Structures are given as structure tokens and as C-alpha cells.
Protein backbone atom coordinates (compact mmCIF):
# COMPACT_ATOMS: atom_id res chain seq x y z
CA UNK A 1 110.65 94.81 94.78
CA UNK A 2 112.87 91.99 96.05
CA UNK A 3 112.31 93.06 99.69
CA UNK A 4 108.50 93.15 99.18
CA UNK A 5 108.53 89.66 97.57
CA UNK A 6 110.65 88.36 100.44
CA UNK A 7 108.18 89.70 103.02
CA UNK A 8 105.24 88.20 101.14
CA UNK A 9 107.07 84.86 101.13
CA UNK A 10 107.70 85.17 104.86
CA UNK A 11 103.99 85.87 105.47
CA UNK A 12 103.02 82.80 103.42
CA UNK A 13 105.49 80.63 105.28
CA UNK A 14 104.25 81.96 108.62
CA UNK A 15 100.62 81.18 107.62
CA UNK A 16 101.52 77.56 106.86
CA UNK A 17 103.37 77.25 110.15
CA UNK A 18 100.45 78.80 112.07
CA UNK A 19 98.17 76.25 110.40
CA UNK A 20 100.39 73.43 111.65
CA UNK A 21 100.47 74.94 115.16
CA UNK A 22 96.70 75.13 115.26
CA UNK A 23 96.57 71.55 114.08
CA UNK A 24 98.82 70.46 116.95
CA UNK A 25 96.57 72.32 119.42
CA UNK A 26 93.48 70.64 117.95
CA UNK A 27 95.19 67.24 118.40
CA UNK A 28 96.02 68.11 122.01
CA UNK A 29 99.79 68.19 121.43
CA UNK A 30 100.17 71.39 123.41
CA UNK A 31 103.86 71.02 124.33
CA UNK A 32 104.82 70.45 120.70
CA UNK A 33 102.61 73.40 119.67
CA UNK A 34 104.40 75.67 122.19
CA UNK A 35 107.82 74.51 121.06
CA UNK A 36 106.93 75.17 117.44
CA UNK A 37 105.48 78.53 118.33
CA UNK A 38 108.58 79.52 120.33
CA UNK A 39 110.77 78.61 117.34
CA UNK A 40 108.51 80.62 115.06
CA UNK A 41 108.96 83.81 117.09
CA UNK A 42 112.74 83.49 116.78
CA UNK A 43 112.77 82.36 113.13
CA UNK A 44 110.53 85.05 111.77
CA UNK A 45 111.12 87.97 114.11
CA UNK A 46 114.54 87.33 115.59
CA UNK A 47 113.27 87.68 119.18
CA UNK A 48 112.18 85.23 121.84
CA UNK A 49 108.42 84.86 122.28
CA UNK A 50 108.62 86.06 125.85
CA UNK A 51 109.86 89.40 124.59
CA UNK A 52 106.70 89.97 122.61
CA UNK A 53 104.38 88.57 125.25
CA UNK A 54 105.75 91.13 127.76
CA UNK A 55 105.27 94.14 125.54
CA UNK A 56 102.55 96.44 126.94
CA UNK A 57 99.34 96.51 124.93
CA UNK A 58 98.94 100.31 125.06
CA UNK A 59 101.93 101.19 122.86
CA UNK A 60 102.41 97.92 121.00
CA UNK A 61 102.69 99.21 117.47
CA UNK A 62 104.74 102.27 118.40
CA UNK A 63 107.26 100.16 120.21
CA UNK A 64 107.58 97.65 117.43
CA UNK A 65 107.75 100.16 114.60
CA UNK A 66 110.10 102.66 116.15
CA UNK A 67 112.37 100.67 118.45
CA UNK A 68 112.59 97.45 116.46
CA UNK A 69 112.36 98.69 112.86
CA UNK A 70 109.56 96.27 111.95
CA UNK A 71 107.30 96.88 109.00
CA UNK A 72 103.68 95.83 108.23
CA UNK A 73 104.85 92.41 107.09
CA UNK A 74 106.50 91.75 110.46
CA UNK A 75 103.40 93.08 112.25
CA UNK A 76 101.15 90.78 110.28
CA UNK A 77 103.28 87.78 111.14
CA UNK A 78 103.34 88.79 114.79
CA UNK A 79 99.55 89.20 114.76
CA UNK A 80 99.25 85.59 113.52
CA UNK A 81 101.73 84.36 116.15
CA UNK A 82 99.77 86.17 118.88
CA UNK A 83 96.61 84.49 117.53
CA UNK A 84 98.22 81.07 117.73
CA UNK A 85 99.52 81.84 121.22
CA UNK A 86 96.00 82.88 122.28
CA UNK A 87 94.56 79.63 120.94
CA UNK A 88 97.27 77.65 122.81
CA UNK A 89 96.67 79.58 126.05
CA UNK A 90 92.93 78.95 125.69
CA UNK A 91 93.52 75.22 125.20
CA UNK A 92 95.66 75.31 128.38
CA UNK A 93 92.81 77.13 130.20
CA UNK A 94 95.03 80.24 130.63
CA UNK A 95 92.16 82.55 129.79
CA UNK A 96 93.70 85.88 130.86
CA UNK A 97 96.81 85.15 128.73
CA UNK A 98 94.56 84.13 125.89
CA UNK A 99 92.60 87.35 126.11
CA UNK A 100 95.77 89.50 126.08
CA UNK A 101 97.15 87.66 123.06
CA UNK A 102 93.88 88.00 121.17
CA UNK A 103 93.86 91.71 121.96
CA UNK A 104 97.46 92.14 120.77
CA UNK A 105 96.71 90.21 117.61
CA UNK A 106 93.73 92.49 116.94
CA UNK A 107 95.63 95.71 117.60
CA UNK A 108 98.37 94.71 115.15
CA UNK A 109 95.96 93.52 112.48
CA UNK A 110 93.90 96.73 112.74
CA UNK A 111 97.07 98.73 112.32
CA UNK A 112 98.17 96.72 109.28
CA UNK A 113 94.71 97.10 107.75
CA UNK A 114 94.55 100.82 108.43
CA UNK A 115 97.98 101.57 106.93
CA UNK A 116 97.72 99.21 104.01
CA UNK A 117 97.14 100.50 100.51
CA UNK A 118 95.10 97.49 99.52
CA UNK A 119 91.87 96.05 100.85
CA UNK A 120 91.96 92.50 102.25
CA UNK A 121 88.81 90.55 102.96
CA UNK A 122 90.94 88.04 104.85
CA UNK A 123 92.05 90.81 107.24
CA UNK A 124 88.45 91.98 107.71
CA UNK A 125 87.24 88.50 108.49
CA UNK A 126 90.11 87.87 110.91
CA UNK A 127 89.33 91.17 112.67
CA UNK A 128 85.72 90.14 113.13
CA UNK A 129 86.81 86.79 114.54
CA UNK A 130 89.30 88.42 116.94
CA UNK A 131 86.71 90.95 118.12
CA UNK A 132 84.28 88.10 118.85
CA UNK A 133 86.90 86.14 120.74
CA UNK A 134 87.95 89.17 122.81
CA UNK A 135 84.30 89.98 123.61
CA UNK A 136 83.48 86.37 124.55
CA UNK A 137 86.54 85.97 126.76
CA UNK A 138 85.92 89.30 128.49
CA UNK A 139 82.38 88.18 129.22
CA UNK A 140 83.56 84.82 130.51
CA UNK A 141 86.22 86.34 132.76
CA UNK A 142 83.82 88.90 134.29
CA UNK A 143 81.17 86.27 135.16
């Protein structure tokens, strides 16, 4: 039970941090947002952000679950970090990078939702948002 409580606490802390990162992006403080995001990857997942950004999309969950011994809590946090990275990339007009991060965020969140024993309306809403962002960016990049 302690481990589960610890992971839930980590997820809550990550959510607060993501909120502050998104606030920095909204204020146009993009360098500070990137610095905070880089620190978050290391603090929560013990890896540099570049490591996660270079993971191929096609076996993202398999790689993280088998080679890095992550659990659904870690994947949920990483999904949120990818979302924040996508928002930052978008603000920096790095649309291809933004699309890839949105896609990775969606893949991880879909996996977490599929393997979870409880229903989360928050996850469902976030998936809908991510699907819309992916669709809109794909449309924008092909036109």
C-alpha cells in the first residue's frame, strides 16, 4: 500500500508542476518552462528528457515497461510531461516535435487507461483533447 500511495503522491506533484509549466508557457517564459520541464523528467523519472524524446513511438510502452521497469504511475507522469513538452514545442513553432510529443502522450495515456482497473473521466477527457490536437496538427502539417 505504501508504494501505491507514494506513486499517487508523485502523480499529484507532477500534475501541479505541469500546471506551473503550462502557466510559464502561457506567459511566454519559454526558456524557464523548458528548464522546469527538463528538471521534471530527471526528478520524477530519473532520466534526461532527451532520452524520452528519442524513444521511438512504435514500441514506446514496451520499451518503458520492460527495459526500464516503469509502472502505470510512471507512464501517466511521462504522458503529462510529453503533453507539456508538446505545448512548449507548439509555442516555439516546432510543430513536428509538438505532434510527436502529443502522439507519445496519447499512446501512454491510452495504455494506462486500458490496463487500469478503475475508470477515470479525467483520462477520457485528456484522450479526447490529445486526439483533437494530433488530428489538428496533422492537418496543419499536411497543408
